[in-house]
């Protein structure tokens, strides 16, 4: 089992920055490809950014590319999402996700590919 705890959400103004953190426990962190997803009420949960087990590969949704940066510190068992130039449309509950993987250094982008989820952290961007 893997436990994931997000933190760092809050209320900011358009153009501001926020940094989300996701602390993991329960399994060797370096065996976990991870990602950030977000959920806006009335819409399906959507992929935001993903990172491979060793951090060498990343992928981003088109809507956040160039503004958000995903990273991980395997020594601290923590994944991050640096969000810059925030827009009102970034308002959502942000979830971190993980899966167990021992062979590849792929980035996984679909909700169905992850079986561990955090409880979510609210990000609200006012205009």
Foldseek 3Di string as FASTA:
>chain_A
DKAKAKDWADEEAAQAKTKMKIAMDDDQQLQKWKFKWWDDPPDDIFGAKTFFSVRPDMDGDPVQPPFWDWGDDSVRRMIMIIGGRDDQVVWTWMKMFIDGHDDDRDTDTDPVRTDYIYPTDTHGYHD
